[in-house]
Every structure is written in structure tokens, then in C-alpha cells.
Amino acid sequence: MQIIKKLAATTSVAALLLSLTACANMSNQDKNTAIGAGVGAVAGSVLTGGSAVGAVGGAAVGGVIGNQVKPK
């Protein structure tokens, strides 16, 4: 079980780093949406004890919030 958790964490970090390179040609609003969805997914998963439904719900809410954030 410990190995699975380490593998999941490593895979998540690798996916995050790879996804950041895809943000090069995105607008600020698109970047905020992607970041909000990522943070929301992690937060939703943590708050629901690793539930996939919590992660998807958190990603949806985080994406909407990130999309609505306007830099000053």
C-alpha cells in the first residue's frame, strides 16, 4: 500500500510538471482555469479522503473559480 501511494504521488507530480509546459500559449484566463481545476481536484480529493467524486467535484469548482478570477 505504501508503494502505491508513493507511485501515485510521483505520477501526480510528473503529470503536473508536464501539464505546465502546455500552458505556454494559453491566455491568463485559461491558465487560471487550469490552475484552479488542478488545485480544486487536489483539495476535493484530500477533503473527501481520496474519493474520485470529490476530486472531480473539486476540479469543477476550482475551474469555475479560476476562470472568474481577473488579475488587477
N, C-alpha and C. Protein backbone atom coordinates (compact mmCIF):
# COMPACT_ATOMS: atom_id res chain seq x y z
N MET A 1 0.83 -1.19 0.00
CA MET A 1 0.00 0.00 0.00
C MET A 1 0.87 1.25 0.00
N GLN A 2 1.95 1.23 0.73
CA GLN A 2 2.85 2.38 0.79
C GLN A 2 3.47 2.66 -0.57
N ILE A 3 3.81 1.61 -1.30
CA ILE A 3 4.41 1.77 -2.62
C ILE A 3 3.42 2.39 -3.58
N ILE A 4 2.15 1.99 -3.49
CA ILE A 4 1.12 2.54 -4.36
C ILE A 4 0.95 4.04 -4.11
N LYS A 5 0.97 4.45 -2.85
CA LYS A 5 0.83 5.86 -2.51
C LYS A 5 2.01 6.67 -3.05
N LYS A 6 3.22 6.14 -2.93
CA LYS A 6 4.40 6.84 -3.45
C LYS A 6 4.35 6.93 -4.97
N LEU A 7 3.92 5.86 -5.62
CA LEU A 7 3.80 5.85 -7.07
C LEU A 7 2.74 6.85 -7.52
N ALA A 8 1.63 6.92 -6.82
CA ALA A 8 0.57 7.88 -7.17
C ALA A 8 1.06 9.31 -7.00
N ALA A 9 1.78 9.58 -5.93
CA ALA A 9 2.29 10.93 -5.70
C ALA A 9 3.30 11.32 -6.76
N THR A 10 4.19 10.41 -7.10
CA THR A 10 5.20 10.68 -8.12
C THR A 10 4.56 10.91 -9.49
N THR A 11 3.58 10.10 -9.81
CA THR A 11 2.88 10.25 -11.08
C THR A 11 2.13 11.57 -11.13
N SER A 12 1.53 11.95 -10.03
CA SER A 12 0.80 13.22 -9.99
C SER A 12 1.73 14.41 -10.20
N VAL A 13 2.87 14.38 -9.56
CA VAL A 13 3.84 15.47 -9.72
C VAL A 13 4.37 15.52 -11.15
N ALA A 14 4.66 14.38 -11.72
CA ALA A 14 5.13 14.33 -13.10
C ALA A 14 4.07 14.86 -14.06
N ALA A 15 2.83 14.49 -13.85
CA ALA A 15 1.74 14.98 -14.71
C ALA A 15 1.58 16.49 -14.56
N LEU A 16 1.71 16.99 -13.35
CA LEU A 16 1.60 18.44 -13.12
C LEU A 16 2.71 19.18 -13.84
N LEU A 17 3.93 18.69 -13.73
CA LEU A 17 5.05 19.36 -14.39
C LEU A 17 4.91 19.33 -15.91
N LEU A 18 4.47 18.21 -16.44
CA LEU A 18 4.27 18.12 -17.89
C LEU A 18 3.13 19.01 -18.36
N SER A 19 2.10 19.13 -17.54
CA SER A 19 0.96 19.95 -17.94
C SER A 19 1.30 21.43 -17.92
N LEU A 20 2.26 21.82 -17.11
CA LEU A 20 2.64 23.24 -17.06
C LEU A 20 3.29 23.69 -18.36
N THR A 21 3.95 22.79 -19.05
CA THR A 21 4.56 23.16 -20.33
C THR A 21 3.51 23.42 -21.39
N ALA A 22 2.34 22.87 -21.23
CA ALA A 22 1.25 23.08 -22.19
C ALA A 22 0.62 24.46 -22.03
N CYS A 23 0.97 25.18 -21.00
CA CYS A 23 0.37 26.49 -20.73
C CYS A 23 1.09 27.63 -21.45
N ALA A 24 2.07 27.35 -22.27
CA ALA A 24 2.88 28.40 -22.88
C ALA A 24 2.06 29.33 -23.77
N ASN A 25 1.11 28.81 -24.52
CA ASN A 25 0.35 29.64 -25.44
C ASN A 25 -1.06 29.94 -24.95
N MET A 26 -1.30 29.77 -23.68
CA MET A 26 -2.63 29.99 -23.12
C MET A 26 -2.78 31.43 -22.64
N SER A 27 -4.00 31.92 -22.68
CA SER A 27 -4.28 33.25 -22.12
C SER A 27 -4.23 33.16 -20.60
N ASN A 28 -4.21 34.30 -19.94
CA ASN A 28 -4.18 34.31 -18.47
C ASN A 28 -5.43 33.66 -17.90
N GLN A 29 -6.57 33.89 -18.53
CA GLN A 29 -7.81 33.29 -18.04
C GLN A 29 -7.76 31.76 -18.18
N ASP A 30 -7.21 31.27 -19.29
CA ASP A 30 -7.08 29.83 -19.47
C ASP A 30 -6.14 29.23 -18.43
N LYS A 31 -5.04 29.93 -18.16
CA LYS A 31 -4.09 29.45 -17.15
C LYS A 31 -4.75 29.40 -15.77
N ASN A 32 -5.50 30.46 -15.44
CA ASN A 32 -6.18 30.49 -14.14
C ASN A 32 -7.19 29.35 -14.02
N THR A 33 -7.88 29.06 -15.11
CA THR A 33 -8.85 27.96 -15.11
C THR A 33 -8.15 26.63 -14.86
N ALA A 34 -7.05 26.39 -15.55
CA ALA A 34 -6.31 25.14 -15.40
C ALA A 34 -5.74 25.00 -13.99
N ILE A 35 -5.18 26.07 -13.48
CA ILE A 35 -4.61 26.03 -12.13
C ILE A 35 -5.71 25.82 -11.09
N GLY A 36 -6.82 26.51 -11.26
CA GLY A 36 -7.96 26.34 -10.34
C GLY A 36 -8.48 24.92 -10.35
N ALA A 37 -8.56 24.32 -11.54
CA ALA A 37 -9.04 22.94 -11.63
C ALA A 37 -8.08 21.98 -10.96
N GLY A 38 -6.78 22.19 -11.14
CA GLY A 38 -5.79 21.33 -10.51
C GLY A 38 -5.81 21.43 -8.99
N VAL A 39 -5.84 22.65 -8.50
CA VAL A 39 -5.86 22.86 -7.05
C VAL A 39 -7.18 22.33 -6.47
N GLY A 40 -8.27 22.57 -7.18
CA GLY A 40 -9.57 22.08 -6.72
C GLY A 40 -9.63 20.57 -6.67
N ALA A 41 -9.04 19.91 -7.66
CA ALA A 41 -9.03 18.45 -7.67
C ALA A 41 -8.27 17.89 -6.49
N VAL A 42 -7.12 18.47 -6.21
CA VAL A 42 -6.32 18.01 -5.06
C VAL A 42 -7.07 18.27 -3.76
N ALA A 43 -7.62 19.48 -3.63
CA ALA A 43 -8.35 19.82 -2.40
C ALA A 43 -9.58 18.93 -2.23
N GLY A 44 -10.32 18.70 -3.29
CA GLY A 44 -11.50 17.85 -3.21
C GLY A 44 -11.16 16.43 -2.83
N SER A 45 -10.07 15.93 -3.37
CA SER A 45 -9.63 14.58 -3.04
C SER A 45 -9.21 14.48 -1.58
N VAL A 46 -8.47 15.47 -1.12
CA VAL A 46 -8.00 15.46 0.28
C VAL A 46 -9.17 15.58 1.24
N LEU A 47 -10.10 16.49 0.95
CA LEU A 47 -11.22 16.71 1.86
C LEU A 47 -12.19 15.54 1.92
N THR A 48 -12.22 14.71 0.88
CA THR A 48 -13.13 13.57 0.88
C THR A 48 -12.41 12.25 1.12
N GLY A 49 -11.18 12.31 1.55
CA GLY A 49 -10.44 11.10 1.88
C GLY A 49 -10.01 10.29 0.67
N GLY A 50 -9.75 10.96 -0.45
CA GLY A 50 -9.26 10.28 -1.64
C GLY A 50 -10.35 9.84 -2.59
N SER A 51 -11.54 10.33 -2.41
CA SER A 51 -12.66 9.96 -3.27
C SER A 51 -12.51 10.56 -4.66
N ALA A 52 -12.75 9.76 -5.68
CA ALA A 52 -12.69 10.26 -7.06
C ALA A 52 -13.79 11.30 -7.31
N VAL A 53 -14.94 11.08 -6.72
CA VAL A 53 -16.04 12.04 -6.87
C VAL A 53 -15.65 13.38 -6.26
N GLY A 54 -14.97 13.36 -5.13
CA GLY A 54 -14.51 14.59 -4.50
C GLY A 54 -13.49 15.31 -5.37
N ALA A 55 -12.62 14.55 -6.02
CA ALA A 55 -11.61 15.14 -6.89
C ALA A 55 -12.26 15.79 -8.11
N VAL A 56 -13.23 15.11 -8.71
CA VAL A 56 -13.91 15.66 -9.89
C VAL A 56 -14.72 16.89 -9.51
N GLY A 57 -15.42 16.81 -8.40
CA GLY A 57 -16.19 17.97 -7.93
C GLY A 57 -15.29 19.15 -7.60
N GLY A 58 -14.18 18.88 -6.95
CA GLY A 58 -13.23 19.94 -6.63
C GLY A 58 -12.63 20.56 -7.88
N ALA A 59 -12.35 19.73 -8.88
CA ALA A 59 -11.81 20.25 -10.14
C ALA A 59 -12.82 21.15 -10.83
N ALA A 60 -14.08 20.75 -10.81
CA ALA A 60 -15.12 21.56 -11.45
C ALA A 60 -15.27 22.91 -10.75
N VAL A 61 -15.35 22.89 -9.44
CA VAL A 61 -15.50 24.13 -8.69
C VAL A 61 -14.25 24.99 -8.82
N GLY A 62 -13.08 24.39 -8.71
CA GLY A 62 -11.83 25.14 -8.85
C GLY A 62 -11.67 25.74 -10.23
N GLY A 63 -12.08 25.01 -11.26
CA GLY A 63 -12.00 25.53 -12.61
C GLY A 63 -12.89 26.73 -12.82
N VAL A 64 -14.09 26.68 -12.28
CA VAL A 64 -15.01 27.82 -12.39
C VAL A 64 -14.45 29.03 -11.64
N ILE A 65 -13.95 28.81 -10.45
CA ILE A 65 -13.38 29.92 -9.68
C ILE A 65 -12.16 30.49 -10.40
N GLY A 66 -11.29 29.62 -10.89
CA GLY A 66 -10.11 30.09 -11.61
C GLY A 66 -10.46 30.86 -12.86
N ASN A 67 -11.53 30.46 -13.53
CA ASN A 67 -11.96 31.14 -14.74
C ASN A 67 -12.49 32.54 -14.44
N GLN A 68 -13.08 32.72 -13.27
CA GLN A 68 -13.67 34.01 -12.94
C GLN A 68 -12.70 34.99 -12.28
N VAL A 69 -11.52 34.52 -11.90
CA VAL A 69 -10.53 35.39 -11.26
C VAL A 69 -9.94 36.32 -12.33
N LYS A 70 -9.99 37.60 -12.07
CA LYS A 70 -9.45 38.58 -13.00
C LYS A 70 -8.26 39.28 -12.34
N PRO A 71 -7.07 39.21 -12.95
CA PRO A 71 -5.92 39.89 -12.36
C PRO A 71 -6.10 41.41 -12.43
N LYS A 72 -5.56 42.08 -11.45
CA LYS A 72 -5.69 43.55 -11.39
C LYS A 72 -4.69 44.22 -12.29
